[in-house]
Amino acid sequence: MNSLIHLKKAFLLSLLLSLKGGINFAQKHENHCSEKIKVGHFYFYSTKQNAWSEIFRNDDTQTEIFRNTNDTSIYSVKWANPCTYEMLLLKSTTAFEPGEEDYVKSFKTVTTILSISKGYYTFTSIVSSEKYRQSYNFNDTVWFDKDSILHRLKTR
């Protein structure tokens, strides 16, 4: 019976220590995000569309310039925590079909930063519309400078 009590205590102690480690990791991860991600000039390359976007982000706005068309979209940005933010389209220079702009503006994007390295960060996004009951998830990479992604594309 004593050995069972000791086993339970050991299990609870190891569980508490692992939870404490997980909390510390999450806190360190969130602190790391806020330093590099919240404000800046970034680059995104869509391999599916073979298209560049340049991103300019401050505390509450993100501007994306799609370099293949020179269309510009401006989003409101609301930070939930240092690694997660929500975006809503405010305006765009894209030529929409009738009714299409309202459809596009009904979607919100929730992005979570997964990891940060020297030249880029990885993220996961959920793009969803309650009005149209649609949701899309995707993971990708945003680059801190254009040369980093050019180098990576050349080495593929």
Protein backbone atom coordinates (compact mmCIF):
# COMPACT_ATOMS: atom_id res chain seq x y z
CA MET A 1 0.00 0.00 0.00
CA ASN A 2 2.85 2.40 0.87
CA SER A 3 4.48 1.82 -2.51
CA LEU A 4 1.19 2.69 -4.25
CA ILE A 5 0.99 6.00 -2.34
CA HIS A 6 4.61 6.79 -3.23
CA LEU A 7 3.90 5.93 -6.87
CA LYS A 8 0.88 8.26 -6.93
CA LYS A 9 2.91 11.08 -5.31
CA ALA A 10 5.74 10.58 -7.82
CA PHE A 11 3.26 10.66 -10.72
CA LEU A 12 1.59 13.85 -9.43
CA LEU A 13 4.95 15.52 -8.88
CA SER A 14 6.16 14.64 -12.39
CA LEU A 15 2.85 15.86 -13.84
CA LEU A 16 3.13 19.18 -11.99
CA LEU A 17 6.74 19.65 -13.08
CA SER A 18 5.90 18.92 -16.72
CA LEU A 19 2.96 21.36 -16.61
CA LYS A 20 5.22 24.02 -15.10
CA GLY A 21 7.73 23.44 -17.90
CA GLY A 22 4.98 23.74 -20.51
CA ILE A 23 3.76 27.00 -19.01
CA ASN A 24 7.31 28.38 -18.94
CA PHE A 25 7.82 27.36 -22.58
CA ALA A 26 4.56 29.06 -23.63
CA GLN A 27 5.49 32.23 -21.74
CA LYS A 28 8.98 32.32 -23.28
CA HIS A 29 7.51 31.60 -26.74
CA GLU A 30 4.96 34.42 -26.40
CA ASN A 31 7.63 36.87 -25.19
CA HIS A 32 9.78 35.94 -28.18
CA CYS A 33 6.92 36.58 -30.60
CA SER A 34 6.19 40.10 -29.47
CA GLU A 35 9.73 41.28 -30.13
CA LYS A 36 9.95 40.41 -33.84
CA ILE A 37 6.47 39.90 -35.20
CA LYS A 38 4.14 42.68 -34.12
CA VAL A 39 5.67 45.51 -36.15
CA GLY A 40 7.78 45.25 -39.26
CA HIS A 41 8.31 44.72 -42.96
CA PHE A 42 7.91 41.11 -44.12
CA TYR A 43 7.74 39.05 -47.31
CA PHE A 44 5.45 36.22 -48.29
CA TYR A 45 5.81 33.96 -51.32
CA SER A 46 2.96 31.71 -52.44
CA THR A 47 4.33 28.69 -54.27
CA LYS A 48 0.79 27.78 -55.35
CA GLN A 49 0.26 31.14 -57.04
CA ASN A 50 3.93 31.85 -57.80
CA ALA A 51 3.36 35.34 -56.36
CA TRP A 52 5.11 37.71 -53.96
CA SER A 53 3.48 39.82 -51.27
CA GLU A 54 5.12 42.52 -49.27
CA ILE A 55 3.69 43.01 -45.78
CA PHE A 56 3.90 46.13 -43.64
CA ARG A 57 2.53 45.66 -40.12
CA ASN A 58 2.15 48.00 -37.17
CA ASP A 59 0.26 47.48 -33.90
CA ASP A 60 -3.22 47.64 -35.42
CA THR A 61 -2.93 47.59 -39.24
CA GLN A 62 -1.42 45.32 -41.87
CA THR A 63 -0.91 46.40 -45.47
CA GLU A 64 -0.21 43.75 -48.09
CA ILE A 65 1.03 44.63 -51.56
CA PHE A 66 0.67 41.78 -54.04
CA ARG A 67 3.70 42.31 -56.25
CA ASN A 68 2.41 40.30 -59.22
CA THR A 69 -0.65 42.62 -59.59
CA ASN A 70 0.29 45.62 -57.40
CA ASP A 71 -3.08 45.27 -55.67
CA THR A 72 -3.05 46.45 -52.08
CA SER A 73 -5.14 45.19 -49.17
CA ILE A 74 -5.37 46.84 -45.77
CA TYR A 75 -6.44 44.84 -42.72
CA SER A 76 -7.25 45.75 -39.14
CA VAL A 77 -5.08 43.77 -36.72
CA LYS A 78 -6.09 42.87 -33.17
CA TRP A 79 -3.59 40.97 -31.04
CA ALA A 80 -5.06 38.28 -28.76
CA ASN A 81 -1.62 37.58 -27.26
CA PRO A 82 1.98 38.14 -28.42
CA CYS A 83 1.81 35.18 -30.84
CA THR A 84 -1.78 35.33 -32.11
CA TYR A 85 -3.62 38.04 -34.00
CA GLU A 86 -6.90 38.46 -35.85
CA MET A 87 -7.27 40.35 -39.15
CA LEU A 88 -10.29 41.77 -40.97
CA LEU A 89 -10.13 43.28 -44.44
CA LEU A 90 -10.79 47.03 -44.35
CA LYS A 91 -10.20 47.92 -47.98
CA SER A 92 -8.57 46.64 -51.14
CA THR A 93 -7.63 47.90 -54.59
CA THR A 94 -8.60 44.52 -56.05
CA ALA A 95 -11.31 44.78 -58.71
CA PHE A 96 -14.13 42.71 -57.21
CA GLU A 97 -17.17 41.40 -59.04
CA PRO A 98 -20.54 42.70 -57.72
CA GLY A 99 -21.15 41.24 -54.25
CA GLU A 100 -17.68 39.70 -54.07
CA GLU A 101 -16.20 42.39 -51.80
CA ASP A 102 -18.87 41.81 -49.13
CA TYR A 103 -18.16 38.08 -49.33
CA VAL A 104 -14.40 38.63 -48.90
CA LYS A 105 -14.91 41.12 -46.05
CA SER A 106 -17.05 38.60 -44.15
CA PHE A 107 -13.94 36.48 -43.47
CA LYS A 108 -11.63 36.95 -40.52
CA THR A 109 -8.16 35.48 -40.32
CA VAL A 110 -6.74 34.24 -37.02
CA THR A 111 -2.99 33.68 -37.27
CA THR A 112 -0.78 31.99 -34.69
CA ILE A 113 3.01 32.19 -34.91
CA LEU A 114 4.41 28.68 -34.54
CA SER A 115 8.16 29.29 -34.65
CA ILE A 116 10.67 32.02 -35.33
CA SER A 117 14.13 31.58 -36.82
CA LYS A 118 16.82 33.94 -38.04
CA GLY A 119 15.28 34.62 -41.46
CA TYR A 120 11.61 33.74 -41.15
CA TYR A 121 8.68 32.72 -39.01
CA THR A 122 6.16 29.92 -39.53
CA PHE A 123 2.48 30.31 -38.83
CA THR A 124 -0.89 28.65 -39.01
CA SER A 125 -4.00 30.58 -40.04
CA ILE A 126 -7.69 29.92 -39.87
CA VAL A 127 -9.69 31.97 -42.36
CA SER A 128 -13.39 31.79 -41.54
CA SER A 129 -16.76 33.37 -42.20
CA GLU A 130 -19.65 32.84 -39.82
CA LYS A 131 -22.01 34.39 -42.37
CA TYR A 132 -21.10 31.86 -45.08
CA ARG A 133 -20.21 29.03 -42.68
CA GLN A 134 -16.87 28.44 -44.34
CA SER A 135 -13.42 27.91 -42.89
CA TYR A 136 -9.97 27.28 -44.33
CA ASN A 137 -6.77 26.36 -42.49
CA PHE A 138 -3.25 26.67 -43.79
CA ASN A 139 0.36 26.76 -42.60
CA ASP A 140 3.12 28.71 -44.28
CA THR A 141 6.19 30.90 -43.86
CA VAL A 142 6.77 34.66 -43.74
CA TRP A 143 10.27 35.95 -44.38
CA PHE A 144 12.07 38.83 -42.66
CA ASP A 145 13.95 39.80 -45.81
CA LYS A 146 13.55 39.08 -49.50
CA ASP A 147 17.07 37.67 -49.90
CA SER A 148 16.35 34.82 -47.44
CA ILE A 149 13.49 33.48 -49.49
CA LEU A 150 15.33 33.98 -52.80
CA HIS A 151 18.21 31.91 -51.43
CA ARG A 152 15.84 29.18 -50.25
CA LEU A 153 14.03 29.01 -53.60
CA LYS A 154 17.36 28.69 -55.46
CA THR A 155 18.44 25.77 -53.24
CA ARG A 156 15.28 23.71 -53.84
